[in-house]
């Protein structure tokens, strides 16, 4: 993977917004570097969405897709650390 990411201590903080129709967090690969983007996806279809925050090592990221202004990160759930549900 070739990208211009700046990890802290080798890890990035990533976010995931999950709504009623979203793939469950354990099966999802799509995360973002932006808390705002995650909140958008959490609340896109319902006010009952959930936002998560996690850490991941740079070497565990499959791809970084900066297109569409989503700052999308593709990663396997098993590679995530310190997963926390955020208040939305």
N, C-alpha and C. Protein backbone atom coordinates (compact mmCIF):
# COMPACT_ATOMS: atom_id res chain seq x y z
N UNK A 1 0.85 -1.17 0.00
CA UNK A 1 0.00 0.00 0.00
C UNK A 1 0.89 1.23 0.00
N UNK A 2 0.61 2.12 -0.89
CA UNK A 2 1.36 3.36 -0.96
C UNK A 2 0.40 4.50 -0.65
N UNK A 3 0.65 5.18 0.47
CA UNK A 3 -0.19 6.30 0.83
C UNK A 3 0.59 7.26 1.70
N UNK A 4 0.02 8.38 1.98
CA UNK A 4 0.68 9.42 2.70
C UNK A 4 0.05 9.57 4.09
N UNK A 5 0.02 8.51 4.86
CA UNK A 5 -0.59 8.53 6.18
C UNK A 5 0.48 8.75 7.24
N UNK A 6 0.10 9.39 8.32
CA UNK A 6 1.04 9.69 9.40
C UNK A 6 0.59 9.01 10.68
N UNK A 7 1.06 7.79 10.92
CA UNK A 7 0.66 7.09 12.14
C UNK A 7 1.37 7.64 13.37
N UNK A 8 0.73 7.51 14.52
CA UNK A 8 1.35 7.86 15.80
C UNK A 8 1.71 6.55 16.48
N UNK A 9 2.97 6.37 16.80
CA UNK A 9 3.46 5.12 17.40
C UNK A 9 3.13 3.92 16.52
N UNK A 10 3.14 4.12 15.21
CA UNK A 10 2.88 3.04 14.27
C UNK A 10 1.41 2.73 14.07
N UNK A 11 0.51 3.48 14.74
CA UNK A 11 -0.92 3.19 14.65
C UNK A 11 -1.70 4.42 14.17
N UNK A 12 -2.79 4.14 13.49
CA UNK A 12 -3.73 5.18 13.07
C UNK A 12 -5.02 5.05 13.87
N UNK A 13 -5.67 6.16 14.12
CA UNK A 13 -7.01 6.16 14.69
C UNK A 13 -7.98 6.19 13.52
N UNK A 14 -8.93 5.26 13.52
CA UNK A 14 -9.92 5.17 12.45
C UNK A 14 -11.32 5.12 13.05
N UNK A 15 -12.32 5.40 12.22
CA UNK A 15 -13.71 5.49 12.67
C UNK A 15 -14.62 4.72 11.71
N UNK A 16 -15.76 4.29 12.24
CA UNK A 16 -16.77 3.63 11.40
C UNK A 16 -18.15 4.08 11.85
N UNK A 17 -18.94 4.51 10.90
CA UNK A 17 -20.33 4.84 11.17
C UNK A 17 -21.20 3.70 10.71
N UNK A 18 -22.12 3.28 11.56
CA UNK A 18 -22.96 2.12 11.27
C UNK A 18 -24.42 2.47 11.51
N UNK A 19 -25.23 2.27 10.48
CA UNK A 19 -26.67 2.49 10.58
C UNK A 19 -27.41 1.17 10.56
N UNK A 20 -28.74 1.25 10.50
CA UNK A 20 -29.59 0.06 10.51
C UNK A 20 -29.29 -0.91 9.37
N UNK A 21 -28.92 -0.38 8.21
CA UNK A 21 -28.69 -1.22 7.03
C UNK A 21 -27.22 -1.54 6.79
N UNK A 22 -26.35 -1.12 7.67
CA UNK A 22 -24.91 -1.33 7.50
C UNK A 22 -24.49 -2.76 7.81
N UNK A 23 -23.38 -3.15 7.23
CA UNK A 23 -22.75 -4.43 7.57
C UNK A 23 -22.30 -4.34 9.03
N UNK A 24 -22.54 -5.37 9.83
CA UNK A 24 -22.10 -5.34 11.24
C UNK A 24 -20.59 -5.12 11.34
N UNK A 25 -20.18 -4.46 12.39
CA UNK A 25 -18.78 -4.08 12.57
C UNK A 25 -17.82 -5.27 12.45
N UNK A 26 -18.21 -6.43 12.93
CA UNK A 26 -17.33 -7.60 12.89
C UNK A 26 -17.08 -8.10 11.47
N UNK A 27 -17.97 -7.76 10.54
CA UNK A 27 -17.86 -8.21 9.16
C UNK A 27 -17.45 -7.09 8.20
N UNK A 28 -17.34 -5.88 8.70
CA UNK A 28 -17.08 -4.72 7.84
C UNK A 28 -15.58 -4.49 7.67
N UNK A 29 -15.22 -4.03 6.48
CA UNK A 29 -13.82 -3.69 6.19
C UNK A 29 -13.63 -2.20 6.00
N UNK A 30 -14.70 -1.47 5.80
CA UNK A 30 -14.63 -0.06 5.45
C UNK A 30 -14.67 0.83 6.68
N UNK A 31 -13.59 1.58 6.90
CA UNK A 31 -13.45 2.53 7.98
C UNK A 31 -13.00 3.85 7.38
N UNK A 32 -12.84 4.87 8.18
CA UNK A 32 -12.41 6.17 7.69
C UNK A 32 -11.47 6.83 8.69
N UNK A 33 -10.66 7.74 8.18
CA UNK A 33 -9.80 8.54 9.06
C UNK A 33 -10.56 9.70 9.68
N UNK A 34 -11.79 9.95 9.21
CA UNK A 34 -12.55 11.13 9.62
C UNK A 34 -13.73 10.76 10.52
N UNK A 35 -13.75 11.33 11.70
CA UNK A 35 -14.88 11.12 12.60
C UNK A 35 -16.15 11.70 12.00
N UNK A 36 -16.04 12.83 11.30
CA UNK A 36 -17.20 13.47 10.68
C UNK A 36 -17.81 12.59 9.59
N UNK A 37 -16.97 11.95 8.79
CA UNK A 37 -17.47 11.04 7.75
C UNK A 37 -18.18 9.86 8.41
N UNK A 38 -17.60 9.32 9.46
CA UNK A 38 -18.23 8.20 10.17
C UNK A 38 -19.58 8.60 10.74
N UNK A 39 -19.67 9.79 11.31
CA UNK A 39 -20.93 10.27 11.86
C UNK A 39 -21.98 10.43 10.76
N UNK A 40 -21.56 10.90 9.60
CA UNK A 40 -22.48 11.02 8.47
C UNK A 40 -23.09 9.67 8.12
N UNK A 41 -22.24 8.64 8.01
CA UNK A 41 -22.75 7.31 7.66
C UNK A 41 -23.58 6.70 8.78
N UNK A 42 -23.28 7.02 10.01
CA UNK A 42 -24.06 6.51 11.14
C UNK A 42 -25.47 7.09 11.14
N UNK A 43 -25.59 8.35 10.74
CA UNK A 43 -26.88 9.06 10.81
C UNK A 43 -27.55 9.23 9.45
N UNK A 44 -27.00 8.65 8.41
CA UNK A 44 -27.49 8.87 7.05
C UNK A 44 -28.96 8.52 6.88
N UNK A 45 -29.42 7.40 7.41
CA UNK A 45 -30.80 6.96 7.20
C UNK A 45 -31.64 6.96 8.47
N UNK A 46 -30.99 7.13 9.62
CA UNK A 46 -31.71 7.05 10.88
C UNK A 46 -30.90 7.77 11.97
N UNK A 47 -31.58 8.28 12.95
CA UNK A 47 -30.87 8.93 14.05
C UNK A 47 -30.33 7.92 15.06
N UNK A 48 -30.58 6.63 14.81
CA UNK A 48 -30.16 5.58 15.73
C UNK A 48 -28.81 4.97 15.38
N UNK A 49 -28.03 5.61 14.53
CA UNK A 49 -26.75 5.07 14.11
C UNK A 49 -25.72 5.04 15.23
N UNK A 50 -24.66 4.28 14.98
CA UNK A 50 -23.59 4.11 15.94
C UNK A 50 -22.27 4.48 15.29
N UNK A 51 -21.39 5.07 16.05
CA UNK A 51 -20.06 5.42 15.56
C UNK A 51 -19.03 4.72 16.44
N UNK A 52 -18.01 4.14 15.80
CA UNK A 52 -16.95 3.44 16.50
C UNK A 52 -15.61 4.10 16.22
N UNK A 53 -14.71 3.95 17.16
CA UNK A 53 -13.34 4.44 17.03
C UNK A 53 -12.43 3.26 17.33
N UNK A 54 -11.35 3.12 16.57
CA UNK A 54 -10.41 2.01 16.79
C UNK A 54 -9.01 2.44 16.39
N UNK A 55 -8.06 1.63 16.73
CA UNK A 55 -6.66 1.83 16.34
C UNK A 55 -6.26 0.65 15.45
N UNK A 56 -5.37 0.95 14.49
CA UNK A 56 -4.87 -0.09 13.61
C UNK A 56 -3.42 0.24 13.23
N UNK A 57 -2.59 -0.78 13.15
CA UNK A 57 -1.22 -0.59 12.69
C UNK A 57 -1.22 -0.36 11.19
N UNK A 58 -0.36 0.52 10.75
CA UNK A 58 -0.28 0.87 9.34
C UNK A 58 -0.08 -0.37 8.46
N UNK A 59 0.73 -1.30 8.90
CA UNK A 59 1.00 -2.50 8.09
C UNK A 59 -0.21 -3.43 7.97
N UNK A 60 -1.23 -3.24 8.81
CA UNK A 60 -2.44 -4.08 8.76
C UNK A 60 -3.53 -3.50 7.86
N UNK A 61 -3.29 -2.35 7.29
CA UNK A 61 -4.27 -1.72 6.40
C UNK A 61 -4.12 -2.30 5.00
N UNK A 62 -5.24 -2.77 4.43
CA UNK A 62 -5.22 -3.31 3.08
C UNK A 62 -5.10 -2.22 2.03
N UNK A 63 -5.83 -1.13 2.23
CA UNK A 63 -5.81 -0.06 1.23
C UNK A 63 -6.31 1.24 1.85
N UNK A 64 -5.91 2.33 1.23
CA UNK A 64 -6.38 3.66 1.59
C UNK A 64 -6.97 4.27 0.34
N UNK A 65 -8.24 4.65 0.40
CA UNK A 65 -8.96 5.17 -0.76
C UNK A 65 -9.41 6.61 -0.49
N UNK A 66 -8.60 7.57 -0.86
CA UNK A 66 -8.93 8.97 -0.55
C UNK A 66 -10.00 9.57 -1.48
N UNK A 67 -10.39 8.86 -2.51
CA UNK A 67 -11.40 9.37 -3.44
C UNK A 67 -12.73 9.60 -2.74
N UNK A 68 -13.58 10.40 -3.31
CA UNK A 68 -14.93 10.70 -2.82
C UNK A 68 -14.93 11.41 -1.48
N UNK A 69 -13.78 11.93 -1.07
CA UNK A 69 -13.67 12.68 0.19
C UNK A 69 -14.11 11.87 1.42
N UNK A 70 -13.93 10.56 1.37
CA UNK A 70 -14.33 9.71 2.50
C UNK A 70 -13.14 9.24 3.33
N UNK A 71 -11.92 9.44 2.84
CA UNK A 71 -10.72 8.99 3.55
C UNK A 71 -10.85 7.54 4.00
N UNK A 72 -11.32 6.70 3.09
CA UNK A 72 -11.65 5.32 3.41
C UNK A 72 -10.41 4.46 3.63
N UNK A 73 -10.47 3.66 4.68
CA UNK A 73 -9.43 2.70 5.05
C UNK A 73 -10.06 1.31 5.00
N UNK A 74 -9.41 0.37 4.32
CA UNK A 74 -9.89 -1.01 4.29
C UNK A 74 -9.02 -1.84 5.22
N UNK A 75 -9.67 -2.49 6.18
CA UNK A 75 -8.95 -3.23 7.20
C UNK A 75 -9.81 -4.39 7.71
N UNK A 76 -9.17 -5.46 8.13
CA UNK A 76 -9.86 -6.61 8.71
C UNK A 76 -10.16 -6.31 10.19
N UNK A 77 -11.35 -6.65 10.63
CA UNK A 77 -11.77 -6.41 12.01
C UNK A 77 -10.79 -7.01 13.02
N UNK A 78 -10.22 -8.16 12.70
CA UNK A 78 -9.29 -8.84 13.62
C UNK A 78 -8.00 -8.03 13.85
N UNK A 79 -7.71 -7.09 12.98
CA UNK A 79 -6.51 -6.26 13.11
C UNK A 79 -6.72 -5.03 13.99
N UNK A 80 -7.95 -4.78 14.38
CA UNK A 80 -8.27 -3.57 15.14
C UNK A 80 -7.97 -3.74 16.63
N UNK A 81 -7.58 -2.62 17.25
CA UNK A 81 -7.33 -2.60 18.68
C UNK A 81 -8.08 -1.44 19.31
N UNK A 82 -8.35 -1.56 20.58
CA UNK A 82 -9.00 -0.48 21.35
C UNK A 82 -10.29 0.01 20.70
N UNK A 83 -11.15 -0.89 20.30
CA UNK A 83 -12.42 -0.51 19.68
C UNK A 83 -13.35 0.07 20.75
N UNK A 84 -13.86 1.26 20.45
CA UNK A 84 -14.76 1.93 21.40
C UNK A 84 -15.98 2.44 20.67
N UNK A 85 -17.13 2.28 21.29
CA UNK A 85 -18.36 2.85 20.78
C UNK A 85 -18.43 4.29 21.28
N UNK A 86 -18.63 5.22 20.35
CA UNK A 86 -18.69 6.63 20.70
C UNK A 86 -20.13 7.07 20.94
N UNK A 87 -20.30 8.07 21.72
CA UNK A 87 -21.63 8.67 21.92
C UNK A 87 -21.98 9.45 20.65
N UNK A 88 -23.18 9.21 20.13
CA UNK A 88 -23.60 9.91 18.91
C UNK A 88 -24.78 10.81 19.20
